[in-house]
PDB file of N, CA and C in Angstrom:
ATOM      1  N   MET A   1       8.788   0.520  21.630  1.00  0.00           N
ATOM      2  CA  MET A   1       8.837   0.208  20.281  1.00  0.00           C
ATOM      3  C   MET A   1       9.797   1.648  19.558  1.00  0.00           C
ATOM      4  N   ALA A   2      10.119   1.283  18.464  1.00  0.00           N
ATOM      5  CA  ALA A   2      10.315   2.620  17.521  1.00  0.00           C
ATOM      6  C   ALA A   2      10.141   3.539  17.408  1.00  0.00           C
ATOM      7  N   GLN A   3      10.599   4.884  17.273  1.00  0.00           N
ATOM      8  CA  GLN A   3       9.371   6.029  17.419  1.00  0.00           C
ATOM      9  C   GLN A   3      10.574   6.662  15.985  1.00  0.00           C
ATOM     10  N   ILE A   4       9.621   7.613  14.740  1.00  0.00           N
ATOM     11  CA  ILE A   4       9.815   7.969  13.924  1.00  0.00           C
ATOM     12  C   ILE A   4       9.640   9.535  13.936  1.00  0.00           C
ATOM     13  N   ASN A   5      10.087  10.532  14.150  1.00  0.00           N
ATOM     14  CA  ASN A   5       9.849  11.881  14.451  1.00  0.00           C
ATOM     15  C   ASN A   5      10.645  12.830  12.985  1.00  0.00           C
ATOM     16  N   LEU A   6       8.807  13.062  12.766  1.00  0.00           N
ATOM     17  CA  LEU A   6       9.392  13.770  11.310  1.00  0.00           C
ATOM     18  C   LEU A   6       7.915  15.216  11.784  1.00  0.00           C
ATOM     19  N   GLY A   7       9.752  16.088  12.362  1.00  0.00           N
ATOM     20  CA  GLY A   7       8.702  17.516  12.831  1.00  0.00           C
ATOM     21  C   GLY A   7       7.118  17.706  13.628  1.00  0.00           C
ATOM     22  N   LYS A   8       6.175  17.538  13.253  1.00  0.00           N
ATOM     23  CA  LYS A   8       5.220  17.265  14.078  1.00  0.00           C
ATOM     24  C   LYS A   8       4.521  16.155  14.737  1.00  0.00           C
ATOM     25  N   VAL A   9       5.175  14.784  13.430  1.00  0.00           N
ATOM     26  CA  VAL A   9       4.448  14.380  13.726  1.00  0.00           C
ATOM     27  C   VAL A   9       5.267  12.644  14.010  1.00  0.00           C
ATOM     28  N   ALA A  10       4.811  12.278  14.847  1.00  0.00           N
ATOM     29  CA  ALA A  10       6.193  10.961  15.263  1.00  0.00           C
ATOM     30  C   ALA A  10       5.574  10.049  14.906  1.00  0.00           C
ATOM     31  N   PHE A  11       5.774   8.711  13.898  1.00  0.00           N
ATOM     32  CA  PHE A  11       5.221   7.674  14.215  1.00  0.00           C
ATOM     33  C   PHE A  11       6.310   6.524  15.105  1.00  0.00           C
ATOM     34  N   ILE A  12       4.991   5.750  15.732  1.00  0.00           N
ATOM     35  CA  ILE A  12       5.420   4.351  16.741  1.00  0.00           C
ATOM     36  C   ILE A  12       5.264   3.252  15.869  1.00  0.00           C
ATOM     37  N   HIS A  13       6.044   2.555  15.584  1.00  0.00           N
ATOM     38  CA  HIS A  13       6.438   1.348  15.108  1.00  0.00           C
ATOM     39  C   HIS A  13       5.536  -0.131  16.251  1.00  0.00           C
ATOM     40  N   LYS A  14       4.418  -0.432  16.158  1.00  0.00           N
ATOM     41  CA  LYS A  14       3.829  -1.434  17.615  1.00  0.00           C
ATOM     42  C   LYS A  14       4.056  -2.726  17.377  1.00  0.00           C
ATOM     43  N   GLY A  15       4.792  -3.299  16.341  1.00  0.00           N
ATOM     44  CA  GLY A  15       5.256  -4.613  15.734  1.00  0.00           C
ATOM     45  C   GLY A  15       3.923  -5.307  15.157  1.00  0.00           C
ATOM     46  N   THR A  16       3.635  -6.482  15.211  1.00  0.00           N
ATOM     47  CA  THR A  16       2.679  -6.933  14.872  1.00  0.00           C
ATOM     48  C   THR A  16       1.248  -6.880  14.984  1.00  0.00           C
ATOM     49  N   TYR A  17       0.535  -6.507  13.427  1.00  0.00           N
ATOM     50  CA  TYR A  17      -0.927  -5.854  14.352  1.00  0.00           C
ATOM     51  C   TYR A  17      -1.800  -7.206  15.513  1.00  0.00           C
ATOM     52  N   SER A  18      -2.430  -6.741  16.583  1.00  0.00           N
ATOM     53  CA  SER A  18      -2.977  -7.827  17.186  1.00  0.00           C
ATOM     54  C   SER A  18      -4.622  -6.518  17.354  1.00  0.00           C
ATOM     55  N   PRO A  19      -5.577  -7.503  17.300  1.00  0.00           N
ATOM     56  CA  PRO A  19      -7.071  -6.379  17.005  1.00  0.00           C
ATOM     57  C   PRO A  19      -7.159  -6.443  18.416  1.00  0.00           C
ATOM     58  N   GLY A  20      -6.724  -6.834  19.709  1.00  0.00           N
ATOM     59  CA  GLY A  20      -7.123  -6.721  20.961  1.00  0.00           C
ATOM     60  C   GLY A  20      -6.359  -5.610  21.435  1.00  0.00           C
ATOM     61  N   THR A  21      -5.311  -4.929  20.390  1.00  0.00           N
ATOM     62  CA  THR A  21      -4.658  -3.572  21.117  1.00  0.00           C
ATOM     63  C   THR A  21      -4.962  -2.480  20.887  1.00  0.00           C
ATOM     64  N   GLN A  22      -5.064  -1.345  22.021  1.00  0.00           N
ATOM     65  CA  GLN A  22      -5.636   0.002  21.432  1.00  0.00           C
ATOM     66  C   GLN A  22      -4.385   0.706  21.073  1.00  0.00           C
ATOM     67  N   TYR A  23      -4.532   1.254  19.680  1.00  0.00           N
ATOM     68  CA  TYR A  23      -3.781   2.017  18.842  1.00  0.00           C
ATOM     69  C   TYR A  23      -4.025   3.217  18.655  1.00  0.00           C
ATOM     70  N   ASN A  24      -3.216   4.449  18.668  1.00  0.00           N
ATOM     71  CA  ASN A  24      -3.256   5.889  18.435  1.00  0.00           C
ATOM     72  C   ASN A  24      -2.972   6.023  17.145  1.00  0.00           C
ATOM     73  N   LYS A  25      -3.627   7.039  16.650  1.00  0.00           N
ATOM     74  CA  LYS A  25      -3.102   7.654  15.436  1.00  0.00           C
ATOM     75  C   LYS A  25      -1.295   7.929  15.401  1.00  0.00           C
ATOM     76  N   PHE A  26      -1.914   7.373  14.228  1.00  0.00           N
ATOM     77  CA  PHE A  26       0.188   7.739  13.939  1.00  0.00           C
ATOM     78  C   PHE A  26       0.799   6.332  14.143  1.00  0.00           C
ATOM     79  N   ASP A  27       0.422   5.604  14.492  1.00  0.00           N
ATOM     80  CA  ASP A  27       0.958   4.146  14.893  1.00  0.00           C
ATOM     81  C   ASP A  27       1.390   3.043  13.991  1.00  0.00           C
ATOM     82  N   ILE A  28       2.731   2.412  13.773  1.00  0.00           N
ATOM     83  CA  ILE A  28       2.608   1.457  12.745  1.00  0.00           C
ATOM     84  C   ILE A  28       2.849   0.207  13.076  1.00  0.00           C
ATOM     85  N   VAL A  29       1.689  -0.658  12.134  1.00  0.00           N
ATOM     86  CA  VAL A  29       1.582  -2.128  12.620  1.00  0.00           C
ATOM     87  C   VAL A  29       2.081  -2.827  11.219  1.00  0.00           C
ATOM     88  N   THR A  30       2.122  -4.071  11.177  1.00  0.00           N
ATOM     89  CA  THR A  30       2.854  -4.649  10.444  1.00  0.00           C
ATOM     90  C   THR A  30       2.132  -6.149  10.016  1.00  0.00           C
ATOM     91  N   ASP A  31       1.584  -6.725   8.772  1.00  0.00           N
ATOM     92  CA  ASP A  31       0.871  -7.940   9.218  1.00  0.00           C
ATOM     93  C   ASP A  31       1.251  -8.394   7.441  1.00  0.00           C
ATOM     94  N   GLY A  32       2.244  -9.816   8.277  1.00  0.00           N
ATOM     95  CA  GLY A  32       3.075 -10.039   6.962  1.00  0.00           C
ATOM     96  C   GLY A  32       3.974  -9.212   6.381  1.00  0.00           C
ATOM     97  N   SER A  33       3.932  -8.968   5.040  1.00  0.00           N
ATOM     98  CA  SER A  33       4.802  -8.400   4.773  1.00  0.00           C
ATOM     99  C   SER A  33       4.196  -6.351   4.316  1.00  0.00           C
ATOM    100  N   SER A  34       3.015  -6.566   5.209  1.00  0.00           N
ATOM    101  CA  SER A  34       2.316  -4.780   4.932  1.00  0.00           C
ATOM    102  C   SER A  34       2.410  -4.620   5.973  1.00  0.00           C
ATOM    103  N   SER A  35       2.380  -3.001   5.387  1.00  0.00           N
ATOM    104  CA  SER A  35       2.671  -1.881   6.820  1.00  0.00           C
ATOM    105  C   SER A  35       1.496  -0.919   6.547  1.00  0.00           C
ATOM    106  N   TYR A  36       0.495  -0.725   7.797  1.00  0.00           N
ATOM    107  CA  TYR A  36      -0.796   0.639   8.534  1.00  0.00           C
ATOM    108  C   TYR A  36      -0.200   1.295   8.635  1.00  0.00           C
ATOM    109  N   VAL A  37      -1.126   2.128   9.238  1.00  0.00           N
ATOM    110  CA  VAL A  37      -0.699   3.177  10.241  1.00  0.00           C
ATOM    111  C   VAL A  37      -2.312   3.824  10.927  1.00  0.00           C
ATOM    112  N   SER A  38      -2.225   3.404  11.600  1.00  0.00           N
ATOM    113  CA  SER A  38      -3.131   4.068  12.618  1.00  0.00           C
ATOM    114  C   SER A  38      -4.229   5.733  11.711  1.00  0.00           C
ATOM    115  N   ALA A  39      -5.070   5.602  11.965  1.00  0.00           N
ATOM    116  CA  ALA A  39      -5.823   6.898  10.979  1.00  0.00           C
ATOM    117  C   ALA A  39      -5.861   7.673  12.230  1.00  0.00           C
ATOM    118  N   VAL A  40      -6.724   6.980  13.507  1.00  0.00           N
ATOM    119  CA  VAL A  40      -7.542   7.310  14.302  1.00  0.00           C
ATOM    120  C   VAL A  40      -6.954   7.081  15.776  1.00  0.00           C
ATOM    121  N   GLU A  41      -7.454   7.790  16.887  1.00  0.00           N
ATOM    122  CA  GLU A  41      -7.274   7.406  18.191  1.00  0.00           C
ATOM    123  C   GLU A  41      -7.919   6.434  18.489  1.00  0.00           C
ATOM    124  N   MET A  42      -7.376   6.059  19.626  1.00  0.00           N
ATOM    125  CA  MET A  42      -8.662   4.600  20.439  1.00  0.00           C
ATOM    126  C   MET A  42      -8.862   3.319  19.012  1.00  0.00           C
ATOM    127  N   ASN A  43      -7.486   3.207  18.165  1.00  0.00           N
ATOM    128  CA  ASN A  43      -8.504   2.553  17.096  1.00  0.00           C
ATOM    129  C   ASN A  43      -8.038   0.899  17.994  1.00  0.00           C
ATOM    130  N   THR A  44      -8.995  -0.039  18.002  1.00  0.00           N
ATOM    131  CA  THR A  44      -8.847  -0.976  18.774  1.00  0.00           C
ATOM    132  C   THR A  44     -10.148  -2.145  17.753  1.00  0.00           C
ATOM    133  N   ARG A  45      -9.846  -3.059  17.952  1.00  0.00           N
ATOM    134  CA  ARG A  45     -10.647  -4.304  16.974  1.00  0.00           C
ATOM    135  C   ARG A  45     -10.838  -3.930  15.422  1.00  0.00           C
ATOM    136  N   ASN A  46     -10.324  -2.665  15.018  1.00  0.00           N
ATOM    137  CA  ASN A  46     -10.899  -2.306  13.694  1.00  0.00           C
ATOM    138  C   ASN A  46      -9.993  -3.350  12.723  1.00  0.00           C
ATOM    139  N   PRO A  47     -10.732  -3.986  11.322  1.00  0.00           N
ATOM    140  CA  PRO A  47     -10.047  -4.721  10.931  1.00  0.00           C
ATOM    141  C   PRO A  47      -8.682  -3.604   9.997  1.00  0.00           C
ATOM    142  N   LEU A  48      -7.670  -4.388   9.280  1.00  0.00           N
ATOM    143  CA  LEU A  48      -6.489  -3.600   8.799  1.00  0.00           C
ATOM    144  C   LEU A  48      -7.240  -3.167   7.160  1.00  0.00           C
ATOM    145  N   SER A  49      -8.609  -3.730   7.201  1.00  0.00           N
ATOM    146  CA  SER A  49      -8.709  -3.099   5.578  1.00  0.00           C
ATOM    147  C   SER A  49      -9.955  -2.023   5.577  1.00  0.00           C
ATOM    148  N   GLU A  50      -9.849  -2.041   6.557  1.00  0.00           N
ATOM    149  CA  GLU A  50     -11.424  -0.752   6.906  1.00  0.00           C
ATOM    150  C   GLU A  50     -10.460   0.710   6.884  1.00  0.00           C
ATOM    151  N   GLU A  51     -10.468   1.348   5.700  1.00  0.00           N
ATOM    152  CA  GLU A  51     -10.058   2.369   5.392  1.00  0.00           C
ATOM    153  C   GLU A  51     -10.005   3.641   6.271  1.00  0.00           C
ATOM    154  N   ILE A  52     -11.044   3.451   7.467  1.00  0.00           N
ATOM    155  CA  ILE A  52     -11.138   4.593   7.883  1.00  0.00           C
ATOM    156  C   ILE A  52     -10.565   4.628   9.149  1.00  0.00           C
ATOM    157  N   TYR A  53     -10.116   3.360   9.268  1.00  0.00           N
ATOM    158  CA  TYR A  53      -9.307   3.483  10.708  1.00  0.00           C
ATOM    159  C   TYR A  53      -7.609   3.559  10.287  1.00  0.00           C
ATOM    160  N   TRP A  54      -7.519   2.300   9.229  1.00  0.00           N
ATOM    161  CA  TRP A  54      -5.906   2.199   9.240  1.00  0.00           C
ATOM    162  C   TRP A  54      -5.891   2.393   7.528  1.00  0.00           C
ATOM    163  N   LYS A  55      -4.350   2.773   7.370  1.00  0.00           N
ATOM    164  CA  LYS A  55      -4.054   3.393   5.725  1.00  0.00           C
ATOM    165  C   LYS A  55      -2.755   2.791   5.657  1.00  0.00           C
ATOM    166  N   LEU A  56      -2.689   2.011   4.358  1.00  0.00           N
ATOM    167  CA  LEU A  56      -2.123   1.253   3.784  1.00  0.00           C
ATOM    168  C   LEU A  56      -1.023   1.880   3.303  1.00  0.00           C
ATOM    169  N   MET A  57       0.739   1.629   3.945  1.00  0.00           N
ATOM    170  CA  MET A  57       1.419   2.411   4.046  1.00  0.00           C
ATOM    171  C   MET A  57       2.811   1.288   2.667  1.00  0.00           C
ATOM    172  N   SER A  58       3.102   0.353   2.957  1.00  0.00           N
ATOM    173  CA  SER A  58       3.404  -0.300   1.973  1.00  0.00           C
ATOM    174  C   SER A  58       3.013  -1.777   1.943  1.00  0.00           C
ATOM    175  N   LYS A  59       2.686  -2.457   0.639  1.00  0.00           N
ATOM    176  CA  LYS A  59       2.197  -3.736   0.711  1.00  0.00           C
ATOM    177  C   LYS A  59       2.786  -4.558   0.014  1.00  0.00           C
ATOM    178  N   GLY A  60       3.249  -5.598   0.620  1.00  0.00           N
ATOM    179  CA  GLY A  60       4.145  -6.722   0.536  1.00  0.00           C
ATOM    180  C   GLY A  60       3.634  -7.655  -0.839  1.00  0.00           C
ATOM    181  N   PHE A  61       5.144  -7.742  -1.514  1.00  0.00           N
ATOM    182  CA  PHE A  61       4.065  -8.714  -3.185  1.00  0.00           C
ATOM    183  C   PHE A  61       4.912  -9.522  -3.261  1.00  0.00           C
ATOM    184  N   GLU A  62       5.083 -10.607  -3.037  1.00  0.00           N
ATOM    185  CA  GLU A  62       6.107 -11.681  -3.032  1.00  0.00           C
ATOM    186  C   GLU A  62       6.287 -12.453  -5.119  1.00  0.00           C
ATOM    187  N   PRO A  63       6.631 -12.224  -5.615  1.00  0.00           N
ATOM    188  CA  PRO A  63       6.969 -13.015  -6.881  1.00  0.00           C
ATOM    189  C   PRO A  63       6.582 -14.493  -7.277  1.00  0.00           C
ATOM    190  N   THR A  64       5.411 -14.424  -8.011  1.00  0.00           N
ATOM    191  CA  THR A  64       4.579 -16.091  -8.141  1.00  0.00           C
ATOM    192  C   THR A  64       4.881 -16.716  -9.796  1.00  0.00           C
ATOM    193  N   HIS A  65       4.272 -17.196  -9.929  1.00  0.00           N
ATOM    194  CA  HIS A  65       4.157 -18.134 -10.908  1.00  0.00           C
ATOM    195  C   HIS A  65       3.504 -19.148 -11.485  1.00  0.00           C
ATOM    196  N   GLY A  66       2.999 -19.211 -12.579  1.00  0.00           N
ATOM    197  CA  GLY A  66       2.192 -20.196 -13.153  1.00  0.00           C
ATOM    198  C   GLY A  66       1.502 -19.768 -14.243  1.00  0.00           C
ATOM    199  N   THR A  67       0.243 -20.493 -14.614  1.00  0.00           N
ATOM    200  CA  THR A  67      -0.141 -20.517 -15.959  1.00  0.00           C
ATOM    201  C   THR A  67      -0.609 -19.181 -16.333  1.00  0.00           C
ATOM    202  N   THR A  68      -1.194 -18.741 -17.468  1.00  0.00           N
ATOM    203  CA  THR A  68      -1.754 -17.197 -17.932  1.00  0.00           C
ATOM    204  C   THR A  68      -2.818 -17.376 -17.366  1.00  0.00           C
ATOM    205  N   GLU A  69      -3.799 -18.359 -17.579  1.00  0.00           N
ATOM    206  CA  GLU A  69      -5.019 -18.513 -16.574  1.00  0.00           C
ATOM    207  C   GLU A  69      -5.168 -18.352 -14.982  1.00  0.00           C
ATOM    208  N   GLN A  70      -4.198 -18.413 -14.232  1.00  0.00           N
ATOM    209  CA  GLN A  70      -3.500 -18.486 -12.769  1.00  0.00           C
ATOM    210  C   GLN A  70      -2.856 -17.243 -12.267  1.00  0.00           C
ATOM    211  N   ARG A  71      -2.637 -16.230 -12.869  1.00  0.00           N
ATOM    212  CA  ARG A  71      -2.313 -14.956 -12.807  1.00  0.00           C
ATOM    213  C   ARG A  71      -3.371 -14.340 -12.229  1.00  0.00           C
ATOM    214  N   PRO A  72      -2.617 -14.025 -11.008  1.00  0.00           N
ATOM    215  CA  PRO A  72      -3.360 -13.132  -9.675  1.00  0.00           C
ATOM    216  C   PRO A  72      -4.099 -11.968 -10.019  1.00  0.00           C
ATOM    217  N   ALA A  73      -5.229 -11.411  -9.475  1.00  0.00           N
ATOM    218  CA  ALA A  73      -5.951 -10.216  -9.539  1.00  0.00           C
ATOM    219  C   ALA A  73      -5.620  -9.319  -9.077  1.00  0.00           C
ATOM    220  N   VAL A  74      -4.257  -8.351  -9.251  1.00  0.00           N
ATOM    221  CA  VAL A  74      -3.287  -7.721  -8.696  1.00  0.00           C
ATOM    222  C   VAL A  74      -3.654  -6.245  -9.521  1.00  0.00           C
ATOM    223  N   ASN A  75      -3.400  -4.733  -8.882  1.00  0.00           N
ATOM    224  CA  ASN A  75      -3.404  -3.829  -9.325  1.00  0.00           C
ATOM    225  C   ASN A  75      -1.970  -2.611  -8.640  1.00  0.00           C
ATOM    226  N   LEU A  76      -1.115  -3.859  -8.270  1.00  0.00           N
ATOM    227  CA  LEU A  76      -0.150  -3.195  -8.142  1.00  0.00           C
ATOM    228  C   LEU A  76       1.060  -2.812  -8.950  1.00  0.00           C
ATOM    229  N   ILE A  77       1.264  -1.538  -9.066  1.00  0.00           N
ATOM    230  CA  ILE A  77       2.447  -1.601 -10.530  1.00  0.00           C
ATOM    231  C   ILE A  77       3.809  -2.089  -9.548  1.00  0.00           C
ATOM    232  N   GLY A  78       4.356  -2.594 -10.779  1.00  0.00           N
ATOM    233  CA  GLY A  78       5.339  -3.550 -10.114  1.00  0.00           C
ATOM    234  C   GLY A  78       4.928  -4.718  -9.970  1.00  0.00           C
ATOM    235  N   ALA A  79       4.058  -5.614  -9.645  1.00  0.00           N
ATOM    236  CA  ALA A  79       3.743  -6.928  -9.379  1.00  0.00           C
ATOM    237  C   ALA A  79       4.837  -7.886 -10.213  1.00  0.00           C
ATOM    238  N   GLU A  80       5.377  -8.738 -10.219  1.00  0.00           N
ATOM    239  CA  GLU A  80       5.726  -9.694 -11.063  1.00  0.00           C
ATOM    240  C   GLU A  80       4.878 -10.926 -11.382  1.00  0.00           C
ATOM    241  N   TYR A  81       5.126 -11.949 -12.507  1.00  0.00           N
ATOM    242  CA  TYR A  81       4.308 -13.028 -12.506  1.00  0.00           C
ATOM    243  C   TYR A  81       5.482 -13.636 -13.400  1.00  0.00           C
ATOM    244  N   PHE A  82       6.110 -14.937 -13.156  1.00  0.00           N
ATOM    245  CA  PHE A  82       6.692 -15.628 -14.141  1.00  0.00           C
ATOM    246  C   PHE A  82       5.629 -16.529 -15.251  1.00  0.00           C
ATOM    247  N   ASP A  83       4.969 -16.372 -16.281  1.00  0.00           N
ATOM    248  CA  ASP A  83       3.677 -16.745 -17.429  1.00  0.00           C
ATOM    249  C   ASP A  83       4.260 -18.120 -17.592  1.00  0.00           C
ATOM    250  N   THR A  84       3.951 -19.176 -17.214  1.00  0.00           N
ATOM    251  CA  THR A  84       4.658 -20.660 -17.588  1.00  0.00           C
ATOM    252  C   THR A  84       4.021 -20.827 -19.077  1.00  0.00           C
ATOM    253  N   THR A  85       3.047 -20.280 -19.480  1.00  0.00           N
ATOM    254  CA  THR A  85       2.506 -20.571 -20.322  1.00  0.00           C
ATOM    255  C   THR A  85       3.056 -19.484 -21.686  1.00  0.00           C
ATOM    256  N   LEU A  86       3.605 -18.635 -21.287  1.00  0.00           N
ATOM    257  CA  LEU A  86       4.084 -17.719 -22.457  1.00  0.00           C
ATOM    258  C   LEU A  86       5.908 -17.988 -21.466  1.00  0.00           C
ATOM    259  N   SER A  87       6.197 -18.412 -20.901  1.00  0.00           N
ATOM    260  CA  SER A  87       7.678 -19.464 -20.558  1.00  0.00           C
ATOM    261  C   SER A  87       8.464 -17.780 -20.883  1.00  0.00           C
ATOM    262  N   LYS A  88       7.746 -17.108 -19.599  1.00  0.00           N
ATOM    263  CA  LYS A  88       8.601 -15.014 -19.392  1.00  0.00           C
ATOM    264  C   LYS A  88       7.851 -14.426 -18.205  1.00  0.00           C
ATOM    265  N   PRO A  89       9.218 -13.787 -17.937  1.00  0.00           N
ATOM    266  CA  PRO A  89       8.391 -13.048 -16.870  1.00  0.00           C
ATOM    267  C   PRO A  89       7.392 -11.811 -17.317  1.00  0.00           C
ATOM    268  N   ILE A  90       6.319 -11.368 -16.219  1.00  0.00           N
ATOM    269  CA  ILE A  90       5.523 -10.215 -16.901  1.00  0.00           C
ATOM    270  C   ILE A  90       5.451  -9.456 -15.033  1.00  0.00           C
ATOM    271  N   TRP A  91       5.052  -8.091 -15.530  1.00  0.00           N
ATOM    272  CA  TRP A  91       4.777  -6.963 -14.598  1.00  0.00           C
ATOM    273  C   TRP A  91       3.151  -6.647 -14.879  1.00  0.00           C
ATOM    274  N   HIS A  92       2.990  -5.864 -13.559  1.00  0.00           N
ATOM    275  CA  HIS A  92       1.948  -5.128 -13.611  1.00  0.00           C
ATOM    276  C   HIS A  92       1.789  -4.298 -13.315  1.00  0.00           C
ATOM    277  N   ASN A  93       1.517  -2.995 -14.463  1.00  0.00           N
ATOM    278  CA  ASN A  93       1.270  -2.040 -14.935  1.00  0.00           C
ATOM    279  C   ASN A  93       0.082  -0.468 -14.136  1.00  0.00           C
ATOM    280  N   GLY A  94      -0.464  -1.813 -12.840  1.00  0.00           N
ATOM    281  CA  GLY A  94      -1.463  -0.937 -12.448  1.00  0.00           C
ATOM    282  C   GLY A  94      -2.875  -1.134 -13.574  1.00  0.00           C
ATOM    283  N   THR A  95      -2.588  -1.255 -15.024  1.00  0.00           N
ATOM    284  CA  THR A  95      -3.775  -1.873 -15.707  1.00  0.00           C
ATOM    285  C   THR A  95      -3.591  -3.532 -16.228  1.00  0.00           C
ATOM    286  N   ASN A  96      -2.900  -3.402 -16.613  1.00  0.00           N
ATOM    287  CA  ASN A  96      -2.306  -4.715 -17.294  1.00  0.00           C
ATOM    288  C   ASN A  96      -1.009  -5.606 -16.820  1.00  0.00           C
ATOM    289  N   TRP A  97      -1.267  -7.038 -17.368  1.00  0.00           N
ATOM    290  CA  TRP A  97       0.187  -7.702 -17.287  1.00  0.00           C
ATOM    291  C   TRP A  97       0.893  -7.096 -18.535  1.00  0.00           C
ATOM    292  N   ILE A  98       2.020  -6.961 -18.598  1.00  0.00           N
ATOM    293  CA  ILE A  98       2.814  -6.587 -19.801  1.00  0.00           C
ATOM    294  C   ILE A  98       3.915  -7.044 -19.447  1.00  0.00           C
ATOM    295  N   ASP A  99       5.185  -7.528 -21.132  1.00  0.00           N
ATOM    296  CA  ASP A  99       6.275  -8.163 -21.147  1.00  0.00           C
ATOM    297  C   ASP A  99       7.519  -7.280 -20.399  1.00  0.00           C
ATOM    298  N   ALA A 100       8.773  -7.541 -21.174  1.00  0.00           N
ATOM    299  CA  ALA A 100       9.290  -6.958 -20.625  1.00  0.00           C
ATOM    300  C   ALA A 100       9.939  -5.447 -21.544  1.00  0.00           C
ATOM    301  N   LEU A 101       8.954  -5.749 -22.568  1.00  0.00           N
ATOM    302  CA  LEU A 101       9.099  -4.357 -24.117  1.00  0.00           C
ATOM    303  C   LEU A 101       8.163  -3.449 -23.241  1.00  0.00           C
ATOM    304  N   GLY A 102       7.135  -4.091 -22.617  1.00  0.00           N
ATOM    305  CA  GLY A 102       6.013  -3.159 -22.560  1.00  0.00           C
ATOM    306  C   GLY A 102       4.858  -3.637 -23.296  1.00  0.00           C
ATOM    307  N   THR A 103       4.785  -5.049 -23.881  1.00  0.00           N
ATOM    308  CA  THR A 103       3.749  -5.316 -25.075  1.00  0.00           C
ATOM    309  C   THR A 103       2.474  -6.140 -24.007  1.00  0.00           C
ATOM    310  N   ILE A 104       0.976  -5.603 -23.889  1.00  0.00           N
ATOM    311  CA  ILE A 104      -0.024  -6.445 -22.738  1.00  0.00           C
ATOM    312  C   ILE A 104       0.378  -7.358 -23.587  1.00  0.00           C
ATOM    313  N   VAL A 105       0.544  -8.753 -21.869  1.00  0.00           N
ATOM    314  CA  VAL A 105       0.409  -9.877 -22.318  1.00  0.00           C
ATOM    315  C   VAL A 105      -1.232 -10.601 -21.851  1.00  0.00           C
TER     316      VAL A 105
END
């Protein structure tokens, strides 16, 4: 696997996450379009959602569409959604959905 050296820290990409594989501290895994880094040595069978064992590095997000009532519950800054009720694209600012003018919608 590819190793990324950053001074005294080296990250090793281990591919797609598998619960049966043992990971070491700073090993990187992917799950869909998201990436996680192991926070501990001998990390086995710990779900990616357990923040004690895994740290989210990047979360993938695919733009979606639907009505105002169907908006996803996200707090990801920059998440995009095409609101068919409003007939325009909107973005999440980490707290609210806003339009291109910055107006909360």
